[in-house]
Amino acid sequence: MKPTISIEYCPKCGWMLRAAYMAQELLTTFTDDVHGVLLQPSEVSGSYIIYKDGKEIFNRKTAGRFPEIKELKQLVRDVVAPEKSLGHSDNK
């Protein structure tokens, strides 16, 4: 079964568009590797957490920032399809 990526975001902070953009990027990059990307409004203010099947892979509060899209693709790739090349988005 393919994994599901979830993006939990704070709707009060206005982060839905950011979450939707990141979901679009992940779906485009990992079309064959994920079941889907779930956008999940959080009840916790300031929350922006990305999960793979419920396991946290990035937390804005812990990192002190949002992930860059290149970084997010690398993090997701590492947990869903480690052998996948991301082309120009890969670490050098």
PDB file of N, CA and C in Angstrom:
ATOM      1  N   MET A   1       0.843  -1.194   0.000  1.00  0.00           N
ATOM      2  CA  MET A   1       0.000   0.000   0.000  1.00  0.00           C
ATOM      3  C   MET A   1       0.884   1.252   0.000  1.00  0.00           C
ATOM      4  N   LYS A   2       0.532   2.186  -0.818  1.00  0.00           N
ATOM      5  CA  LYS A   2       1.298   3.432  -0.913  1.00  0.00           C
ATOM      6  C   LYS A   2       1.002   4.325   0.297  1.00  0.00           C
ATOM      7  N   PRO A   3       2.005   5.080   0.755  1.00  0.00           N
ATOM      8  CA  PRO A   3       1.819   5.944   1.920  1.00  0.00           C
ATOM      9  C   PRO A   3       0.996   7.195   1.588  1.00  0.00           C
ATOM     10  N   THR A   4       0.435   7.769   2.642  1.00  0.00           N
ATOM     11  CA  THR A   4      -0.275   9.041   2.533  1.00  0.00           C
ATOM     12  C   THR A   4       0.549  10.102   3.254  1.00  0.00           C
ATOM     13  N   ILE A   5       0.743  11.223   2.590  1.00  0.00           N
ATOM     14  CA  ILE A   5       1.419  12.369   3.191  1.00  0.00           C
ATOM     15  C   ILE A   5       0.336  13.317   3.695  1.00  0.00           C
ATOM     16  N   SER A   6       0.470  13.791   4.913  1.00  0.00           N
ATOM     17  CA  SER A   6      -0.480  14.745   5.486  1.00  0.00           C
ATOM     18  C   SER A   6       0.244  16.047   5.802  1.00  0.00           C
ATOM     19  N   ILE A   7      -0.414  17.148   5.488  1.00  0.00           N
ATOM     20  CA  ILE A   7       0.108  18.462   5.852  1.00  0.00           C
ATOM     21  C   ILE A   7      -0.903  19.092   6.804  1.00  0.00           C
ATOM     22  N   GLU A   8      -0.506  19.177   8.062  1.00  0.00           N
ATOM     23  CA  GLU A   8      -1.343  19.807   9.081  1.00  0.00           C
ATOM     24  C   GLU A   8      -0.932  21.274   9.165  1.00  0.00           C
ATOM     25  N   TYR A   9      -1.880  22.163   8.951  1.00  0.00           N
ATOM     26  CA  TYR A   9      -1.568  23.593   8.901  1.00  0.00           C
ATOM     27  C   TYR A   9      -2.537  24.390   9.763  1.00  0.00           C
ATOM     28  N   CYS A  10      -2.105  25.574  10.156  1.00  0.00           N
ATOM     29  CA  CYS A  10      -2.939  26.465  10.960  1.00  0.00           C
ATOM     30  C   CYS A  10      -3.792  27.336  10.031  1.00  0.00           C
ATOM     31  N   PRO A  11      -5.106  27.115  10.000  1.00  0.00           N
ATOM     32  CA  PRO A  11      -5.956  27.937   9.132  1.00  0.00           C
ATOM     33  C   PRO A  11      -6.050  29.387   9.624  1.00  0.00           C
ATOM     34  N   LYS A  12      -5.933  29.595  10.925  1.00  0.00           N
ATOM     35  CA  LYS A  12      -6.010  30.951  11.483  1.00  0.00           C
ATOM     36  C   LYS A  12      -4.812  31.793  11.063  1.00  0.00           C
ATOM     37  N   CYS A  13      -3.690  31.122  10.759  1.00  0.00           N
ATOM     38  CA  CYS A  13      -2.474  31.814  10.325  1.00  0.00           C
ATOM     39  C   CYS A  13      -2.482  32.088   8.819  1.00  0.00           C
ATOM     40  N   GLY A  14      -3.478  31.554   8.119  1.00  0.00           N
ATOM     41  CA  GLY A  14      -3.565  31.767   6.677  1.00  0.00           C
ATOM     42  C   GLY A  14      -2.612  30.893   5.876  1.00  0.00           C
ATOM     43  N   TRP A  15      -2.318  29.701   6.374  1.00  0.00           N
ATOM     44  CA  TRP A  15      -1.327  28.848   5.729  1.00  0.00           C
ATOM     45  C   TRP A  15      -1.924  27.789   4.804  1.00  0.00           C
ATOM     46  N   MET A  16      -3.224  27.872   4.521  1.00  0.00           N
ATOM     47  CA  MET A  16      -3.842  26.887   3.643  1.00  0.00           C
ATOM     48  C   MET A  16      -3.250  26.942   2.232  1.00  0.00           C
ATOM     49  N   LEU A  17      -3.028  28.124   1.692  1.00  0.00           N
ATOM     50  CA  LEU A  17      -2.480  28.232   0.335  1.00  0.00           C
ATOM     51  C   LEU A  17      -1.068  27.661   0.260  1.00  0.00           C
ATOM     52  N   ARG A  18      -0.273  27.889   1.286  1.00  0.00           N
ATOM     53  CA  ARG A  18       1.078  27.318   1.341  1.00  0.00           C
ATOM     54  C   ARG A  18       0.981  25.785   1.361  1.00  0.00           C
ATOM     55  N   ALA A  19       0.084  25.261   2.183  1.00  0.00           N
ATOM     56  CA  ALA A  19      -0.096  23.811   2.278  1.00  0.00           C
ATOM     57  C   ALA A  19      -0.576  23.240   0.943  1.00  0.00           C
ATOM     58  N   ALA A  20      -1.490  23.931   0.280  1.00  0.00           N
ATOM     59  CA  ALA A  20      -2.000  23.468  -1.012  1.00  0.00           C
ATOM     60  C   ALA A  20      -0.899  23.481  -2.073  1.00  0.00           C
ATOM     61  N   TYR A  21      -0.069  24.502  -2.059  1.00  0.00           N
ATOM     62  CA  TYR A  21       1.056  24.569  -3.000  1.00  0.00           C
ATOM     63  C   TYR A  21       2.010  23.405  -2.772  1.00  0.00           C
ATOM     64  N   MET A  22       2.342  23.161  -1.501  1.00  0.00           N
ATOM     65  CA  MET A  22       3.265  22.059  -1.201  1.00  0.00           C
ATOM     66  C   MET A  22       2.642  20.715  -1.563  1.00  0.00           C
ATOM     67  N   ALA A  23       1.342  20.562  -1.335  1.00  0.00           N
ATOM     68  CA  ALA A  23       0.650  19.325  -1.714  1.00  0.00           C
ATOM     69  C   ALA A  23       0.724  19.123  -3.225  1.00  0.00           C
ATOM     70  N   GLN A  24       0.507  20.177  -3.985  1.00  0.00           N
ATOM     71  CA  GLN A  24       0.583  20.105  -5.445  1.00  0.00           C
ATOM     72  C   GLN A  24       1.973  19.672  -5.893  1.00  0.00           C
ATOM     73  N   GLU A  25       2.995  20.256  -5.310  1.00  0.00           N
ATOM     74  CA  GLU A  25       4.373  19.907  -5.660  1.00  0.00           C
ATOM     75  C   GLU A  25       4.668  18.442  -5.339  1.00  0.00           C
ATOM     76  N   LEU A  26       4.204  17.985  -4.179  1.00  0.00           N
ATOM     77  CA  LEU A  26       4.444  16.593  -3.793  1.00  0.00           C
ATOM     78  C   LEU A  26       3.686  15.628  -4.697  1.00  0.00           C
ATOM     79  N   LEU A  27       2.443  15.957  -5.034  1.00  0.00           N
ATOM     80  CA  LEU A  27       1.666  15.089  -5.919  1.00  0.00           C
ATOM     81  C   LEU A  27       2.267  15.026  -7.313  1.00  0.00           C
ATOM     82  N   THR A  28       2.800  16.130  -7.777  1.00  0.00           N
ATOM     83  CA  THR A  28       3.443  16.161  -9.093  1.00  0.00           C
ATOM     84  C   THR A  28       4.714  15.324  -9.094  1.00  0.00           C
ATOM     85  N   THR A  29       5.508  15.442  -8.054  1.00  0.00           N
ATOM     86  CA  THR A  29       6.784  14.733  -7.971  1.00  0.00           C
ATOM     87  C   THR A  29       6.618  13.251  -7.654  1.00  0.00           C
ATOM     88  N   PHE A  30       5.647  12.918  -6.806  1.00  0.00           N
ATOM     89  CA  PHE A  30       5.502  11.547  -6.318  1.00  0.00           C
ATOM     90  C   PHE A  30       4.210  10.880  -6.781  1.00  0.00           C
ATOM     91  N   THR A  31       3.796  11.173  -8.002  1.00  0.00           N
ATOM     92  CA  THR A  31       2.549  10.641  -8.562  1.00  0.00           C
ATOM     93  C   THR A  31       2.410   9.137  -8.373  1.00  0.00           C
ATOM     94  N   ASP A  32       3.462   8.399  -8.658  1.00  0.00           N
ATOM     95  CA  ASP A  32       3.411   6.937  -8.590  1.00  0.00           C
ATOM     96  C   ASP A  32       3.841   6.376  -7.238  1.00  0.00           C
ATOM     97  N   ASP A  33       4.237   7.235  -6.317  1.00  0.00           N
ATOM     98  CA  ASP A  33       4.835   6.771  -5.061  1.00  0.00           C
ATOM     99  C   ASP A  33       3.960   6.964  -3.827  1.00  0.00           C
ATOM    100  N   VAL A  34       2.925   7.812  -3.926  1.00  0.00           N
ATOM    101  CA  VAL A  34       2.071   8.076  -2.763  1.00  0.00           C
ATOM    102  C   VAL A  34       0.608   7.818  -3.101  1.00  0.00           C
ATOM    103  N   HIS A  35      -0.147   7.461  -2.072  1.00  0.00           N
ATOM    104  CA  HIS A  35      -1.587   7.269  -2.219  1.00  0.00           C
ATOM    105  C   HIS A  35      -2.278   8.623  -2.412  1.00  0.00           C
ATOM    106  N   GLY A  36      -1.742   9.647  -1.714  1.00  0.00           N
ATOM    107  CA  GLY A  36      -2.311  10.981  -1.817  1.00  0.00           C
ATOM    108  C   GLY A  36      -1.673  11.907  -0.804  1.00  0.00           C
ATOM    109  N   VAL A  37      -2.085  13.169  -0.870  1.00  0.00           N
ATOM    110  CA  VAL A  37      -1.638  14.173   0.102  1.00  0.00           C
ATOM    111  C   VAL A  37      -2.892  14.761   0.737  1.00  0.00           C
ATOM    112  N   LEU A  38      -2.942  14.695   2.041  1.00  0.00           N
ATOM    113  CA  LEU A  38      -4.087  15.164   2.811  1.00  0.00           C
ATOM    114  C   LEU A  38      -3.776  16.530   3.412  1.00  0.00           C
ATOM    115  N   LEU A  39      -4.669  17.486   3.217  1.00  0.00           N
ATOM    116  CA  LEU A  39      -4.553  18.786   3.884  1.00  0.00           C
ATOM    117  C   LEU A  39      -5.439  18.743   5.117  1.00  0.00           C
ATOM    118  N   GLN A  40      -4.846  18.995   6.260  1.00  0.00           N
ATOM    119  CA  GLN A  40      -5.540  18.839   7.528  1.00  0.00           C
ATOM    120  C   GLN A  40      -5.460  20.121   8.345  1.00  0.00           C
ATOM    121  N   PRO A  41      -6.568  20.878   8.473  1.00  0.00           N
ATOM    122  CA  PRO A  41      -6.554  22.063   9.324  1.00  0.00           C
ATOM    123  C   PRO A  41      -6.280  21.671  10.775  1.00  0.00           C
ATOM    124  N   SER A  42      -5.408  22.412  11.421  1.00  0.00           N
ATOM    125  CA  SER A  42      -5.043  22.131  12.806  1.00  0.00           C
ATOM    126  C   SER A  42      -5.845  23.001  13.754  1.00  0.00           C
ATOM    127  N   GLU A  43      -6.076  22.475  14.929  1.00  0.00           N
ATOM    128  CA  GLU A  43      -6.711  23.269  15.983  1.00  0.00           C
ATOM    129  C   GLU A  43      -5.663  23.960  16.846  1.00  0.00           C
ATOM    130  N   VAL A  44      -4.384  23.663  16.571  1.00  0.00           N
ATOM    131  CA  VAL A  44      -3.279  24.244  17.327  1.00  0.00           C
ATOM    132  C   VAL A  44      -2.718  25.433  16.544  1.00  0.00           C
ATOM    133  N   SER A  45      -2.746  26.604  17.140  1.00  0.00           N
ATOM    134  CA  SER A  45      -2.240  27.797  16.473  1.00  0.00           C
ATOM    135  C   SER A  45      -0.767  27.647  16.119  1.00  0.00           C
ATOM    136  N   GLY A  46      -0.413  28.082  14.914  1.00  0.00           N
ATOM    137  CA  GLY A  46       0.971  28.068  14.477  1.00  0.00           C
ATOM    138  C   GLY A  46       1.481  26.717  14.008  1.00  0.00           C
ATOM    139  N   SER A  47       0.586  25.732  13.943  1.00  0.00           N
ATOM    140  CA  SER A  47       1.002  24.387  13.556  1.00  0.00           C
ATOM    141  C   SER A  47       1.222  24.275  12.052  1.00  0.00           C
ATOM    142  N   TYR A  48       2.317  23.651  11.671  1.00  0.00           N
ATOM    143  CA  TYR A  48       2.587  23.294  10.272  1.00  0.00           C
ATOM    144  C   TYR A  48       3.496  22.071  10.315  1.00  0.00           C
ATOM    145  N   ILE A  49       2.854  20.899  10.258  1.00  0.00           N
ATOM    146  CA  ILE A  49       3.570  19.640  10.426  1.00  0.00           C
ATOM    147  C   ILE A  49       3.275  18.737   9.239  1.00  0.00           C
ATOM    148  N   ILE A  50       4.308  18.086   8.744  1.00  0.00           N
ATOM    149  CA  ILE A  50       4.155  17.168   7.620  1.00  0.00           C
ATOM    150  C   ILE A  50       4.421  15.760   8.123  1.00  0.00           C
ATOM    151  N   TYR A  51       3.484  14.861   7.786  1.00  0.00           N
ATOM    152  CA  TYR A  51       3.543  13.475   8.237  1.00  0.00           C
ATOM    153  C   TYR A  51       3.534  12.515   7.052  1.00  0.00           C
ATOM    154  N   LYS A  52       4.138  11.358   7.263  1.00  0.00           N
ATOM    155  CA  LYS A  52       3.969  10.221   6.362  1.00  0.00           C
ATOM    156  C   LYS A  52       3.267   9.151   7.184  1.00  0.00           C
ATOM    157  N   ASP A  53       2.043   8.831   6.807  1.00  0.00           N
ATOM    158  CA  ASP A  53       1.254   7.824   7.531  1.00  0.00           C
ATOM    159  C   ASP A  53       1.264   8.060   9.041  1.00  0.00           C
ATOM    160  N   GLY A  54       1.116   9.302   9.449  1.00  0.00           N
ATOM    161  CA  GLY A  54       1.027   9.640  10.864  1.00  0.00           C
ATOM    162  C   GLY A  54       2.357   9.849  11.571  1.00  0.00           C
ATOM    163  N   LYS A  55       3.470   9.583  10.890  1.00  0.00           N
ATOM    164  CA  LYS A  55       4.787   9.789  11.495  1.00  0.00           C
ATOM    165  C   LYS A  55       5.350  11.132  11.022  1.00  0.00           C
ATOM    166  N   GLU A  56       5.689  11.981  11.968  1.00  0.00           N
ATOM    167  CA  GLU A  56       6.180  13.330  11.658  1.00  0.00           C
ATOM    168  C   GLU A  56       7.495  13.281  10.882  1.00  0.00           C
ATOM    169  N   ILE A  57       7.541  14.051   9.779  1.00  0.00           N
ATOM    170  CA  ILE A  57       8.800  14.163   9.040  1.00  0.00           C
ATOM    171  C   ILE A  57       9.309  15.604   8.987  1.00  0.00           C
ATOM    172  N   PHE A  58       8.437  16.585   9.286  1.00  0.00           N
ATOM    173  CA  PHE A  58       8.879  17.980   9.389  1.00  0.00           C
ATOM    174  C   PHE A  58       7.902  18.734  10.274  1.00  0.00           C
ATOM    175  N   ASN A  59       8.453  19.578  11.152  1.00  0.00           N
ATOM    176  CA  ASN A  59       7.630  20.381  12.049  1.00  0.00           C
ATOM    177  C   ASN A  59       8.173  21.809  12.035  1.00  0.00           C
ATOM    178  N   ARG A  60       7.330  22.751  11.636  1.00  0.00           N
ATOM    179  CA  ARG A  60       7.742  24.153  11.545  1.00  0.00           C
ATOM    180  C   ARG A  60       8.217  24.696  12.886  1.00  0.00           C
ATOM    181  N   LYS A  61       7.550  24.332  13.968  1.00  0.00           N
ATOM    182  CA  LYS A  61       7.938  24.848  15.291  1.00  0.00           C
ATOM    183  C   LYS A  61       9.300  24.312  15.719  1.00  0.00           C
ATOM    184  N   THR A  62       9.556  23.047  15.459  1.00  0.00           N
ATOM    185  CA  THR A  62      10.841  22.446  15.812  1.00  0.00           C
ATOM    186  C   THR A  62      11.966  23.043  14.974  1.00  0.00           C
ATOM    187  N   ALA A  63      11.705  23.197  13.675  1.00  0.00           N
ATOM    188  CA  ALA A  63      12.724  23.713  12.756  1.00  0.00           C
ATOM    189  C   ALA A  63      12.880  25.229  12.865  1.00  0.00           C
ATOM    190  N   GLY A  64      11.836  25.913  13.338  1.00  0.00           N
ATOM    191  CA  GLY A  64      11.884  27.369  13.432  1.00  0.00           C
ATOM    192  C   GLY A  64      11.653  28.061  12.102  1.00  0.00           C
ATOM    193  N   ARG A  65      11.125  27.313  11.131  1.00  0.00           N
ATOM    194  CA  ARG A  65      10.896  27.853   9.785  1.00  0.00           C
ATOM    195  C   ARG A  65      10.044  26.867   8.996  1.00  0.00           C
ATOM    196  N   PHE A  66       9.592  27.327   7.836  1.00  0.00           N
ATOM    197  CA  PHE A  66       8.912  26.429   6.899  1.00  0.00           C
ATOM    198  C   PHE A  66       9.968  25.701   6.072  1.00  0.00           C
ATOM    199  N   PRO A  67       9.627  24.520   5.547  1.00  0.00           N
ATOM    200  CA  PRO A  67      10.588  23.841   4.677  1.00  0.00           C
ATOM    201  C   PRO A  67      10.627  24.506   3.300  1.00  0.00           C
ATOM    202  N   GLU A  68      11.799  24.538   2.708  1.00  0.00           N
ATOM    203  CA  GLU A  68      11.892  24.907   1.296  1.00  0.00           C
ATOM    204  C   GLU A  68      11.323  23.735   0.507  1.00  0.00           C
ATOM    205  N   ILE A  69      10.759  23.989  -0.660  1.00  0.00           N
ATOM    206  CA  ILE A  69      10.131  22.903  -1.416  1.00  0.00           C
ATOM    207  C   ILE A  69      11.154  21.838  -1.808  1.00  0.00           C
ATOM    208  N   LYS A  70      12.354  22.247  -2.149  1.00  0.00           N
ATOM    209  CA  LYS A  70      13.413  21.292  -2.484  1.00  0.00           C
ATOM    210  C   LYS A  70      13.701  20.377  -1.294  1.00  0.00           C
ATOM    211  N   GLU A  71      13.819  20.978  -0.113  1.00  0.00           N
ATOM    212  CA  GLU A  71      14.068  20.223   1.113  1.00  0.00           C
ATOM    213  C   GLU A  71      12.923  19.259   1.407  1.00  0.00           C
ATOM    214  N   LEU A  72      11.688  19.731   1.241  1.00  0.00           N
ATOM    215  CA  LEU A  72      10.518  18.897   1.511  1.00  0.00           C
ATOM    216  C   LEU A  72      10.486  17.692   0.577  1.00  0.00           C
ATOM    217  N   LYS A  73      10.779  17.914  -0.688  1.00  0.00           N
ATOM    218  CA  LYS A  73      10.804  16.799  -1.640  1.00  0.00           C
ATOM    219  C   LYS A  73      11.860  15.776  -1.248  1.00  0.00           C
ATOM    220  N   GLN A  74      13.007  16.236  -0.777  1.00  0.00           N
ATOM    221  CA  GLN A  74      14.059  15.318  -0.350  1.00  0.00           C
ATOM    222  C   GLN A  74      13.623  14.523   0.876  1.00  0.00           C
ATOM    223  N   LEU A  75      12.988  15.199   1.843  1.00  0.00           N
ATOM    224  CA  LEU A  75      12.514  14.520   3.045  1.00  0.00           C
ATOM    225  C   LEU A  75      11.473  13.460   2.708  1.00  0.00           C
ATOM    226  N   VAL A  76      10.530  13.807   1.846  1.00  0.00           N
ATOM    227  CA  VAL A  76       9.485  12.864   1.459  1.00  0.00           C
ATOM    228  C   VAL A  76      10.086  11.718   0.650  1.00  0.00           C
ATOM    229  N   ARG A  77      10.944  12.034  -0.286  1.00  0.00           N
ATOM    230  CA  ARG A  77      11.593  10.988  -1.091  1.00  0.00           C
ATOM    231  C   ARG A  77      12.306   9.988  -0.206  1.00  0.00           C
ATOM    232  N   ASP A  78      13.025  10.490   0.813  1.00  0.00           N
ATOM    233  CA  ASP A  78      13.794   9.619   1.697  1.00  0.00           C
ATOM    234  C   ASP A  78      12.924   8.611   2.446  1.00  0.00           C
ATOM    235  N   VAL A  79      11.643   8.931   2.661  1.00  0.00           N
ATOM    236  CA  VAL A  79      10.766   8.015   3.398  1.00  0.00           C
ATOM    237  C   VAL A  79       9.782   7.254   2.519  1.00  0.00           C
ATOM    238  N   VAL A  80       9.561   7.685   1.275  1.00  0.00           N
ATOM    239  CA  VAL A  80       8.606   6.963   0.416  1.00  0.00           C
ATOM    240  C   VAL A  80       9.259   6.255  -0.765  1.00  0.00           C
ATOM    241  N   ALA A  81      10.364   6.786  -1.278  1.00  0.00           N
ATOM    242  CA  ALA A  81      11.018   6.199  -2.457  1.00  0.00           C
ATOM    243  C   ALA A  81      12.491   6.574  -2.466  1.00  0.00           C
ATOM    244  N   PRO A  82      13.280   6.011  -1.527  1.00  0.00           N
ATOM    245  CA  PRO A  82      14.680   6.410  -1.378  1.00  0.00           C
ATOM    246  C   PRO A  82      15.512   6.288  -2.651  1.00  0.00           C
ATOM    247  N   GLU A  83      15.128   5.391  -3.540  1.00  0.00           N
ATOM    248  CA  GLU A  83      15.889   5.191  -4.773  1.00  0.00           C
ATOM    249  C   GLU A  83      15.545   6.218  -5.857  1.00  0.00           C
ATOM    250  N   LYS A  84      14.508   6.991  -5.645  1.00  0.00           N
ATOM    251  CA  LYS A  84      14.026   7.933  -6.663  1.00  0.00           C
ATOM    252  C   LYS A  84      14.974   9.121  -6.826  1.00  0.00           C
ATOM    253  N   SER A  85      15.282   9.447  -8.067  1.00  0.00           N
ATOM    254  CA  SER A  85      16.071  10.639  -8.368  1.00  0.00           C
ATOM    255  C   SER A  85      15.147  11.843  -8.452  1.00  0.00           C
ATOM    256  N   LEU A  86      15.571  12.945  -7.852  1.00  0.00           N
ATOM    257  CA  LEU A  86      14.793  14.176  -7.924  1.00  0.00           C
ATOM    258  C   LEU A  86      15.385  15.160  -8.928  1.00  0.00           C
ATOM    259  N   GLY A  87      16.297  14.680  -9.740  1.00  0.00           N
ATOM    260  CA  GLY A  87      16.923  15.548 -10.737  1.00  0.00           C
ATOM    261  C   GLY A  87      17.621  16.714 -10.092  1.00  0.00           C
ATOM    262  N   HIS A  88      17.297  17.923 -10.546  1.00  0.00           N
ATOM    263  CA  HIS A  88      17.969  19.126 -10.036  1.00  0.00           C
ATOM    264  C   HIS A  88      17.648  19.419  -8.577  1.00  0.00           C
ATOM    265  N   SER A  89      16.611  18.781  -8.018  1.00  0.00           N
ATOM    266  CA  SER A  89      16.252  19.015  -6.617  1.00  0.00           C
ATOM    267  C   SER A  89      17.054  18.147  -5.655  1.00  0.00           C
ATOM    268  N   ASP A  90      17.876  17.249  -6.177  1.00  0.00           N
ATOM    269  CA  ASP A  90      18.667  16.384  -5.312  1.00  0.00           C
ATOM    270  C   ASP A  90      19.831  17.144  -4.701  1.00  0.00           C
ATOM    271  N   ASN A  91      20.261  16.669  -3.515  1.00  0.00           N
ATOM    272  CA  ASN A  91      21.479  17.220  -2.892  1.00  0.00           C
ATOM    273  C   ASN A  91      22.665  16.930  -3.789  1.00  0.00           C
ATOM    274  N   LYS A  92      23.578  17.841  -3.826  1.00  0.00           N
ATOM    275  CA  LYS A  92      24.806  17.636  -4.616  1.00  0.00           C
ATOM    276  C   LYS A  92      25.858  17.005  -3.744  1.00  0.00           C
TER     277      LYS A  92
END
